[in-house]
Amino acid sequence: MLNGLHPGNISIESFRYHLPEDRIAQFPAPNRDEAKLLVYKGGAISETTYANIAGALPKGALMVFNNSRVVEARLLFQKPSGGIIEIFALEPSDRYADITTAMNQTGQIVYKCLVGGAGKWKHGMVLQKKVEDNGISVILEARIAGRKPDCFEIDLSWTPGELSFAAILHLAGQMPIPPYLHRPSDASDTERYQTVYAKADGSVAAPTAGLHFTPNLLNNLTEHGFSLAYTTLHVGAGTFMPVKSETMQGHEMHAEFLEADIDLLNRVADAPLVIPVGTTAMRTLESLYRMGCKVLNNSAITLQDLEMQQWEVYENRDEKKVTKKDAMMALVQWLKARNQKQLIIKTRILIAPGYQFGICDGLVTNFHQPQSTLLLLVAALIGNDWQKVYDYAMQNDFRFLSYGDGSLLIP
């Protein structure tokens, strides 16, 4: 652990750096794989582009991508008086088993949302939005179903009722580009704020490390002997939440749904090296490892108890290191015993300095905001050298945050 401290005692002030506004990329590079790539290997720094990443990766690595698809989560409703109320669809109500189930709902759904202009939404008022779909009028209505400490529960209903909620968001919503871009989304964001391999609807923010990969680049990686695998972690709005407390103990990680099938678990178990593409893929893999360790301790563990909480990996350290193969095989057997081919579960795992990695041997990632949990994750992987990496990027004209350049980090 950092200086012998529990990560909850880490001062977030130690992870501050100066990020000028003009270094935040407002738009992506003209071509995805032309973005610059900083390569950090065992303390040495070099640079190339994503198009040439195959030459920088460790040979024989399994690369794991997050195939979650960003949904058009921003819904703008105009009141009869002309005022605008914005509903930001965060995650399903607890009555739904998972995000995939929610996205497939037809006709009506209750969703946890942020509401801009909530003070102007009078009790009992029904908001309505009409859009056209191939000459058919689609009508979406919104009602306040309840209030929670940090969000609203909104009852959304629509006609034609056979349309899924995912289809409704695609027709009526806008792409939720990061708030720090300080601009409205445009037509280009619909394509570029989405990975080329996006598949499973549910994220409200892109797994941005993957934005740099093209179909040709993915083919190039396989031609160079790298294996590619996909998992799903639906990115929540909490990814943009800065740490506001002085120490990490006061910061609450939001739960996010992950999905992983038995094929992925088997491939991870047998891979000589595993390189996740993005912090979400890393959090998914390390959550799966910790879940496998739990199963080894209790093969009868319930799905609820299998969920990863924020601090438990630091408070319940195993006496001996469990191999990734043993952890993955335990999880495979746990699923097979329940006649399941796929694990769908929540995780709140926080990866911070002091974390002991069970699966990941490196990371492909963008440059993150100061004082963020994502920067803590980078520091967990490469220690205080995160400062050297970020200093180099700042001094050598790398572009930062979601639409910016990226890095390959090999400790």
Protein backbone atom coordinates (compact mmCIF):
# COMPACT_ATOMS: atom_id res chain seq x y z
CA MET A 1 0.00 0.00 0.00
CA LEU A 2 1.06 3.58 -0.60
CA ASN A 3 3.37 4.52 2.27
CA GLY A 4 1.75 1.70 4.24
CA LEU A 5 -1.63 3.47 4.12
CA HIS A 6 -5.02 1.97 3.40
CA PRO A 7 -6.03 3.50 0.01
CA GLY A 8 -8.94 5.19 1.76
CA ASN A 9 -6.38 7.42 3.47
CA ILE A 10 -4.77 8.56 0.21
CA SER A 11 -4.94 12.33 -0.21
CA ILE A 12 -6.38 13.13 -3.62
CA GLU A 13 -4.31 16.32 -3.58
CA SER A 14 -1.30 14.13 -4.40
CA PHE A 15 -2.90 13.40 -7.78
CA ARG A 16 -3.34 16.95 -8.95
CA TYR A 17 -1.64 18.25 -12.09
CA HIS A 18 -2.23 21.36 -14.17
CA LEU A 19 -4.40 20.67 -17.22
CA PRO A 20 -4.86 23.80 -19.39
CA GLU A 21 -8.17 24.00 -21.25
CA ASP A 22 -6.37 24.12 -24.60
CA ARG A 23 -4.90 20.65 -23.98
CA ILE A 24 -8.34 19.04 -23.71
CA ALA A 25 -9.22 17.62 -27.12
CA GLN A 26 -12.55 19.05 -28.25
CA PHE A 27 -12.82 16.71 -31.22
CA PRO A 28 -11.13 13.42 -32.14
CA ALA A 29 -8.21 13.05 -34.54
CA PRO A 30 -9.34 13.00 -38.21
CA ASN A 31 -8.64 9.26 -38.35
CA ARG A 32 -8.99 7.08 -35.26
CA ASP A 33 -5.63 5.32 -35.41
CA GLU A 34 -3.66 8.48 -36.21
CA ALA A 35 -3.86 9.52 -32.55
CA LYS A 36 -0.51 9.63 -30.76
CA LEU A 37 0.45 6.79 -28.44
CA LEU A 38 2.85 7.26 -25.53
CA VAL A 39 4.62 3.97 -24.76
CA TYR A 40 5.81 3.43 -21.18
CA LYS A 41 7.78 0.23 -20.62
CA GLY A 42 9.50 -0.38 -17.31
CA GLY A 43 10.31 3.27 -16.79
CA ALA A 44 11.32 4.22 -20.36
CA ILE A 45 9.09 6.46 -22.50
CA SER A 46 8.80 6.58 -26.29
CA GLU A 47 6.04 7.56 -28.67
CA THR A 48 4.34 6.28 -31.80
CA THR A 49 0.76 6.19 -33.11
CA TYR A 50 -2.06 3.74 -32.51
CA ALA A 51 -1.62 2.49 -36.08
CA ASN A 52 1.73 1.05 -34.94
CA ILE A 53 0.67 -0.31 -31.55
CA ALA A 54 1.42 -3.92 -32.59
CA GLY A 55 5.12 -3.11 -32.54
CA ALA A 56 4.94 -1.87 -28.95
CA LEU A 57 2.80 -4.57 -27.35
CA PRO A 58 4.35 -7.57 -25.57
CA LYS A 59 4.30 -10.60 -27.88
CA GLY A 60 1.49 -13.09 -27.51
CA ALA A 61 -0.70 -10.86 -25.35
CA LEU A 62 -4.44 -11.28 -25.10
CA MET A 63 -6.08 -7.87 -25.58
CA VAL A 64 -9.44 -7.42 -23.87
CA PHE A 65 -11.87 -4.75 -25.12
CA ASN A 66 -15.05 -3.36 -23.57
CA ASN A 67 -17.80 -3.67 -26.17
CA SER A 68 -20.41 -1.63 -24.30
CA ARG A 69 -22.32 0.73 -26.57
CA VAL A 70 -23.04 4.33 -25.59
CA VAL A 71 -26.76 5.09 -25.57
CA GLU A 72 -28.19 8.48 -26.47
CA ALA A 73 -28.95 9.19 -22.81
CA ARG A 74 -29.73 12.95 -23.03
CA LEU A 75 -33.44 13.58 -23.55
CA LEU A 76 -34.57 17.19 -24.05
CA PHE A 77 -38.24 17.98 -23.43
CA GLN A 78 -39.86 21.34 -24.17
CA LYS A 79 -42.60 22.46 -21.78
CA PRO A 80 -45.75 24.06 -23.22
CA SER A 81 -44.40 27.38 -21.88
CA GLY A 82 -41.25 26.93 -23.99
CA GLY A 83 -38.75 26.06 -21.25
CA ILE A 84 -36.41 23.09 -21.68
CA ILE A 85 -36.07 20.26 -19.19
CA GLU A 86 -33.22 17.81 -19.71
CA ILE A 87 -33.49 14.21 -18.53
CA PHE A 88 -30.23 12.27 -18.39
CA ALA A 89 -30.90 8.53 -18.24
CA LEU A 90 -28.40 7.10 -15.73
CA GLU A 91 -29.32 3.49 -15.00
CA PRO A 92 -32.40 1.27 -14.60
CA SER A 93 -34.56 1.23 -11.53
CA ASP A 94 -33.69 -1.55 -9.13
CA ARG A 95 -36.75 -3.47 -10.29
CA TYR A 96 -34.85 -4.59 -13.42
CA ALA A 97 -32.28 -7.37 -13.19
CA ASP A 98 -29.65 -5.62 -15.32
CA ILE A 99 -29.12 -3.02 -18.05
CA THR A 100 -29.67 -5.45 -20.94
CA THR A 101 -33.07 -6.36 -19.52
CA ALA A 102 -33.92 -2.68 -19.16
CA MET A 103 -32.80 -1.77 -22.68
CA ASN A 104 -35.11 -4.46 -24.08
CA GLN A 105 -38.20 -3.15 -22.26
CA THR A 106 -41.04 -2.16 -24.58
CA GLY A 107 -43.70 0.50 -24.10
CA GLN A 108 -42.69 1.71 -20.63
CA ILE A 109 -39.81 1.80 -18.16
CA VAL A 110 -38.83 3.39 -14.85
CA TYR A 111 -35.29 4.78 -15.00
CA LYS A 112 -32.97 6.58 -12.61
CA CYS A 113 -32.20 9.99 -14.10
CA LEU A 114 -30.61 13.35 -13.49
CA VAL A 115 -32.97 16.22 -14.29
CA GLY A 116 -31.84 19.64 -15.45
CA GLY A 117 -34.46 22.27 -14.63
CA ALA A 118 -36.23 20.01 -12.14
CA GLY A 119 -37.48 23.04 -10.23
CA LYS A 120 -39.59 23.99 -13.25
CA TRP A 121 -41.17 20.53 -13.51
CA LYS A 122 -44.38 20.94 -11.55
CA HIS A 123 -45.94 18.03 -9.68
CA GLY A 124 -48.16 15.98 -11.99
CA MET A 125 -46.86 17.60 -15.18
CA VAL A 126 -46.40 15.14 -18.06
CA LEU A 127 -43.60 16.04 -20.45
CA GLN A 128 -43.98 14.97 -24.06
CA LYS A 129 -41.58 14.67 -26.99
CA LYS A 130 -42.52 13.72 -30.55
CA VAL A 131 -40.07 12.44 -33.18
CA GLU A 132 -40.48 10.91 -36.63
CA ASP A 133 -39.23 7.45 -37.58
CA ASN A 134 -39.64 6.61 -41.29
CA GLY A 135 -42.88 8.57 -41.47
CA ILE A 136 -44.23 7.17 -38.20
CA SER A 137 -44.78 9.51 -35.25
CA VAL A 138 -43.10 8.31 -32.07
CA ILE A 139 -44.39 9.93 -28.88
CA LEU A 140 -42.39 9.76 -25.64
CA GLU A 141 -43.86 10.87 -22.30
CA ALA A 142 -42.09 11.44 -18.97
CA ARG A 143 -43.51 11.55 -15.44
CA ILE A 144 -41.75 11.85 -12.09
CA ALA A 145 -42.18 8.51 -10.32
CA GLY A 146 -40.06 9.27 -7.26
CA ARG A 147 -37.08 11.14 -5.82
CA LYS A 148 -33.86 9.70 -4.45
CA PRO A 149 -31.01 11.54 -2.67
CA ASP A 150 -28.91 11.82 -5.83
CA CYS A 151 -31.39 11.36 -8.69
CA PHE A 152 -35.02 11.05 -9.79
CA GLU A 153 -36.92 7.97 -10.83
CA ILE A 154 -38.69 8.83 -14.07
CA ASP A 155 -41.56 6.87 -15.60
CA LEU A 156 -41.02 6.89 -19.37
CA SER A 157 -43.69 5.55 -21.74
CA TRP A 158 -43.96 5.62 -25.51
CA THR A 159 -45.91 4.71 -28.60
CA PRO A 160 -45.58 2.66 -30.75
CA GLY A 161 -45.26 0.40 -27.73
CA GLU A 162 -43.41 -2.38 -29.52
CA LEU A 163 -40.25 -0.27 -29.72
CA SER A 164 -37.52 -1.12 -27.19
CA PHE A 165 -36.14 1.46 -24.76
CA ALA A 166 -32.79 1.29 -26.58
CA ALA A 167 -34.58 2.14 -29.84
CA ILE A 168 -36.41 5.04 -28.17
CA LEU A 169 -33.15 6.52 -26.88
CA HIS A 170 -31.63 6.18 -30.35
CA LEU A 171 -34.58 8.03 -31.90
CA ALA A 172 -35.22 10.69 -29.27
CA GLY A 173 -31.97 11.15 -27.36
CA GLN A 174 -28.63 12.88 -27.88
CA MET A 175 -25.13 11.45 -27.43
CA PRO A 176 -23.88 12.18 -23.88
CA ILE A 177 -20.43 13.57 -24.70
CA PRO A 178 -18.38 14.49 -21.61
CA PRO A 179 -19.47 17.63 -19.73
CA TYR A 180 -15.91 19.03 -19.73
CA LEU A 181 -16.12 19.57 -23.50
CA HIS A 182 -18.52 22.45 -22.82
CA ARG A 183 -20.23 22.07 -26.19
CA PRO A 184 -23.39 20.44 -27.55
CA SER A 185 -23.01 17.10 -29.32
CA ASP A 186 -23.08 17.17 -33.10
CA ALA A 187 -23.57 14.62 -35.89
CA SER A 188 -19.90 13.58 -35.83
CA ASP A 189 -20.15 12.55 -32.15
CA THR A 190 -22.76 9.94 -33.04
CA GLU A 191 -20.06 7.98 -34.86
CA ARG A 192 -16.84 9.02 -33.18
CA TYR A 193 -17.97 8.78 -29.53
CA GLN A 194 -18.55 5.07 -30.15
CA THR A 195 -16.04 2.26 -30.62
CA VAL A 196 -16.17 0.39 -33.93
CA TYR A 197 -16.86 -2.85 -32.01
CA ALA A 198 -19.60 -1.45 -29.73
CA LYS A 199 -22.34 -4.03 -29.30
CA ALA A 200 -24.15 -4.06 -25.94
CA ASP A 201 -26.36 -0.99 -25.30
CA GLY A 202 -26.01 0.56 -21.85
CA SER A 203 -23.13 3.02 -21.30
CA VAL A 204 -23.62 6.74 -20.72
CA ALA A 205 -19.93 7.40 -21.44
CA ALA A 206 -17.64 5.79 -24.00
CA PRO A 207 -14.83 3.40 -23.04
CA THR A 208 -12.56 5.97 -24.66
CA ALA A 209 -9.32 3.98 -25.00
CA GLY A 210 -11.10 1.92 -27.63
CA LEU A 211 -12.06 4.94 -29.74
CA HIS A 212 -8.65 4.78 -31.45
CA PHE A 213 -9.11 1.29 -32.93
CA THR A 214 -10.30 0.71 -36.50
CA PRO A 215 -11.37 -2.55 -38.17
CA ASN A 216 -8.07 -2.54 -40.08
CA LEU A 217 -6.07 -2.06 -36.88
CA LEU A 218 -7.91 -4.91 -35.16
CA ASN A 219 -7.13 -7.15 -38.15
CA ASN A 220 -3.51 -6.00 -38.03
CA LEU A 221 -3.26 -7.04 -34.39
CA THR A 222 -4.50 -10.56 -35.09
CA GLU A 223 -2.11 -10.82 -38.06
CA HIS A 224 0.74 -9.99 -35.65
CA GLY A 225 -0.25 -12.86 -33.36
CA PHE A 226 -2.30 -11.01 -30.73
CA SER A 227 -5.54 -12.52 -29.48
CA LEU A 228 -8.59 -10.28 -29.09
CA ALA A 229 -11.42 -10.82 -26.61
CA TYR A 230 -14.45 -8.79 -25.58
CA THR A 231 -16.26 -8.18 -22.33
CA THR A 232 -18.83 -5.63 -21.23
CA LEU A 233 -18.85 -3.02 -18.49
CA HIS A 234 -21.59 -0.43 -18.85
CA VAL A 235 -19.94 2.89 -17.99
CA GLY A 236 -21.95 5.07 -15.60
CA ALA A 237 -21.98 8.83 -15.17
CA GLY A 238 -19.83 8.33 -12.07
CA THR A 239 -16.84 8.08 -14.40
CA PHE A 240 -16.93 11.89 -14.67
CA MET A 241 -17.32 12.51 -10.95
CA PRO A 242 -14.25 14.21 -9.46
CA VAL A 243 -13.11 13.16 -6.02
CA LYS A 244 -14.41 16.00 -3.83
CA SER A 245 -13.30 14.63 -0.45
CA GLU A 246 -9.80 15.27 0.89
CA THR A 247 -9.12 11.54 1.12
CA MET A 248 -10.48 8.61 -0.87
CA GLN A 249 -12.40 7.33 2.16
CA GLY A 250 -15.04 9.99 1.48
CA HIS A 251 -15.53 9.06 -2.18
CA GLU A 252 -18.24 6.59 -3.17
CA MET A 253 -17.72 4.46 -6.26
CA HIS A 254 -20.94 3.94 -8.21
CA ALA A 255 -21.92 0.38 -9.09
CA GLU A 256 -21.61 -0.63 -12.73
CA PHE A 257 -22.87 -3.76 -14.48
CA LEU A 258 -20.33 -6.09 -16.06
CA GLU A 259 -20.97 -9.04 -18.36
CA ALA A 260 -18.49 -11.86 -19.04
CA ASP A 261 -19.03 -15.25 -20.62
CA ILE A 262 -17.31 -18.56 -19.99
CA ASP A 263 -15.30 -18.28 -23.22
CA LEU A 264 -13.66 -15.07 -21.97
CA LEU A 265 -12.88 -16.62 -18.57
CA ASN A 266 -11.23 -19.62 -20.25
CA ARG A 267 -9.19 -17.42 -22.60
CA VAL A 268 -7.98 -15.21 -19.76
CA ALA A 269 -7.03 -18.29 -17.75
CA ASP A 270 -4.82 -19.59 -20.58
CA ALA A 271 -3.32 -16.27 -21.76
CA PRO A 272 0.40 -15.74 -21.08
CA LEU A 273 -0.19 -11.98 -20.79
CA VAL A 274 -3.37 -9.89 -20.60
CA ILE A 275 -3.55 -6.25 -21.73
CA PRO A 276 -6.93 -4.52 -21.23
CA VAL A 277 -7.90 -1.70 -23.55
CA GLY A 278 -9.26 0.94 -21.20
CA THR A 279 -9.77 1.36 -17.48
CA THR A 280 -13.25 -0.19 -17.73
CA ALA A 281 -11.84 -3.39 -19.24
CA MET A 282 -9.20 -3.43 -16.48
CA ARG A 283 -11.82 -2.95 -13.76
CA THR A 284 -13.87 -5.76 -15.30
CA LEU A 285 -10.94 -8.21 -15.43
CA GLU A 286 -9.74 -7.44 -11.92
CA SER A 287 -13.32 -7.73 -10.61
CA LEU A 288 -13.58 -11.17 -12.21
CA TYR A 289 -10.30 -12.21 -10.60
CA ARG A 290 -11.49 -11.13 -7.15
CA MET A 291 -14.82 -12.88 -7.70
CA GLY A 292 -12.94 -16.06 -8.59
CA CYS A 293 -11.00 -15.75 -5.34
CA LYS A 294 -14.30 -15.45 -3.47
CA VAL A 295 -15.60 -18.63 -5.10
CA LEU A 296 -12.42 -20.48 -4.10
CA ASN A 297 -13.17 -19.51 -0.50
CA ASN A 298 -16.87 -20.41 -0.74
CA SER A 299 -18.19 -22.38 -3.71
CA ALA A 300 -21.77 -21.85 -2.49
CA ILE A 301 -21.47 -18.05 -2.55
CA THR A 302 -24.56 -16.17 -3.78
CA LEU A 303 -24.62 -13.75 -6.71
CA GLN A 304 -25.24 -10.87 -4.32
CA ASP A 305 -22.24 -11.74 -2.15
CA LEU A 306 -20.11 -12.19 -5.28
CA GLU A 307 -20.52 -8.48 -6.13
CA MET A 308 -17.37 -6.42 -5.62
CA GLN A 309 -17.56 -3.63 -3.05
CA GLN A 310 -15.33 -0.58 -3.03
CA TRP A 311 -12.82 -1.45 -0.31
CA GLU A 312 -13.03 -5.20 0.23
CA VAL A 313 -9.89 -6.07 -1.76
CA TYR A 314 -7.86 -3.96 0.68
CA GLU A 315 -9.59 -5.20 3.82
CA ASN A 316 -9.75 -8.92 3.00
CA ARG A 317 -6.30 -9.80 1.67
CA ASP A 318 -5.64 -13.45 0.93
CA GLU A 319 -2.76 -15.14 2.71
CA LYS A 320 -1.41 -16.53 -0.56
CA LYS A 321 -1.60 -15.26 -4.11
CA VAL A 322 -4.21 -17.03 -6.20
CA THR A 323 -3.23 -17.63 -9.83
CA LYS A 324 -5.43 -16.11 -12.50
CA LYS A 325 -6.05 -19.61 -13.90
CA ASP A 326 -7.31 -20.92 -10.56
CA ALA A 327 -9.53 -17.85 -10.08
CA MET A 328 -10.99 -18.04 -13.59
CA MET A 329 -11.58 -21.79 -13.42
CA ALA A 330 -13.35 -21.40 -10.08
CA LEU A 331 -15.68 -18.84 -11.65
CA VAL A 332 -16.28 -21.10 -14.67
CA GLN A 333 -17.24 -24.00 -12.40
CA TRP A 334 -19.49 -21.73 -10.30
CA LEU A 335 -21.37 -20.69 -13.47
CA LYS A 336 -21.61 -24.26 -14.80
CA ALA A 337 -22.98 -25.48 -11.48
CA ARG A 338 -25.82 -23.00 -11.99
CA ASN A 339 -26.30 -23.86 -15.68
CA GLN A 340 -25.21 -20.37 -16.70
CA LYS A 341 -22.97 -19.45 -19.62
CA GLN A 342 -22.55 -15.80 -18.68
CA LEU A 343 -22.01 -13.75 -15.54
CA ILE A 344 -23.97 -10.48 -15.24
CA ILE A 345 -23.15 -8.70 -11.99
CA LYS A 346 -22.41 -5.33 -10.39
CA THR A 347 -18.98 -4.14 -9.33
CA ARG A 348 -17.79 -1.16 -7.29
CA ILE A 349 -14.13 -2.11 -7.33
CA LEU A 350 -11.71 0.77 -6.74
CA ILE A 351 -8.19 0.25 -8.07
CA ALA A 352 -5.82 2.59 -6.28
CA PRO A 353 -2.16 2.57 -5.17
CA GLY A 354 -1.72 -0.48 -2.96
CA TYR A 355 -3.80 -2.71 -5.22
CA GLN A 356 -2.25 -6.06 -6.16
CA PHE A 357 -3.12 -6.97 -9.75
CA GLY A 358 -4.39 -10.49 -10.36
CA ILE A 359 -4.78 -10.52 -14.14
CA CYS A 360 -3.66 -7.38 -15.94
CA ASP A 361 -0.05 -7.05 -17.18
CA GLY A 362 -0.42 -3.56 -18.65
CA LEU A 363 -3.00 -1.10 -19.92
CA VAL A 364 -3.96 0.90 -23.00
CA THR A 365 -5.62 4.11 -21.83
CA ASN A 366 -6.20 7.80 -22.49
CA PHE A 367 -4.92 10.66 -20.31
CA HIS A 368 -7.27 11.29 -17.41
CA GLN A 369 -8.54 14.23 -15.40
CA PRO A 370 -6.58 15.45 -12.37
CA GLN A 371 -7.78 14.10 -9.01
CA SER A 372 -9.82 11.33 -10.61
CA THR A 373 -10.23 7.67 -9.72
CA LEU A 374 -8.95 6.86 -13.21
CA LEU A 375 -5.65 8.58 -12.43
CA LEU A 376 -5.47 6.57 -9.20
CA LEU A 377 -5.82 3.40 -11.26
CA VAL A 378 -2.89 4.45 -13.47
CA ALA A 379 -0.81 5.13 -10.34
CA ALA A 380 -1.73 1.70 -8.99
CA LEU A 381 -0.21 0.18 -12.13
CA ILE A 382 2.98 2.25 -12.61
CA GLY A 383 3.45 3.95 -9.24
CA ASN A 384 4.76 7.51 -9.02
CA ASP A 385 5.94 7.25 -12.63
CA TRP A 386 2.44 8.42 -13.55
CA GLN A 387 3.85 11.92 -12.98
CA LYS A 388 6.72 11.26 -15.42
CA VAL A 389 4.25 9.97 -18.02
CA TYR A 390 1.93 12.95 -17.67
CA ASP A 391 4.82 15.45 -17.67
CA TYR A 392 6.11 13.92 -20.91
CA ALA A 393 2.65 14.04 -22.49
CA MET A 394 2.20 17.67 -21.47
CA GLN A 395 5.64 18.70 -22.79
CA ASN A 396 5.24 16.82 -26.08
CA ASP A 397 1.87 18.10 -27.26
CA PHE A 398 -0.27 15.08 -26.45
CA ARG A 399 -4.02 15.79 -26.39
CA PHE A 400 -5.87 14.91 -23.18
CA LEU A 401 -9.13 13.27 -22.05
CA SER A 402 -11.83 11.42 -24.00
CA TYR A 403 -11.08 12.60 -27.54
CA GLY A 404 -7.35 12.92 -26.96
CA ASP A 405 -4.30 10.74 -27.47
CA GLY A 406 -3.41 7.74 -25.35
CA SER A 407 -0.78 5.55 -23.77
CA LEU A 408 0.38 1.96 -23.51
CA LEU A 409 1.57 1.34 -19.95
CA ILE A 410 3.70 -1.74 -19.21
CA PRO A 411 5.11 -1.76 -15.65
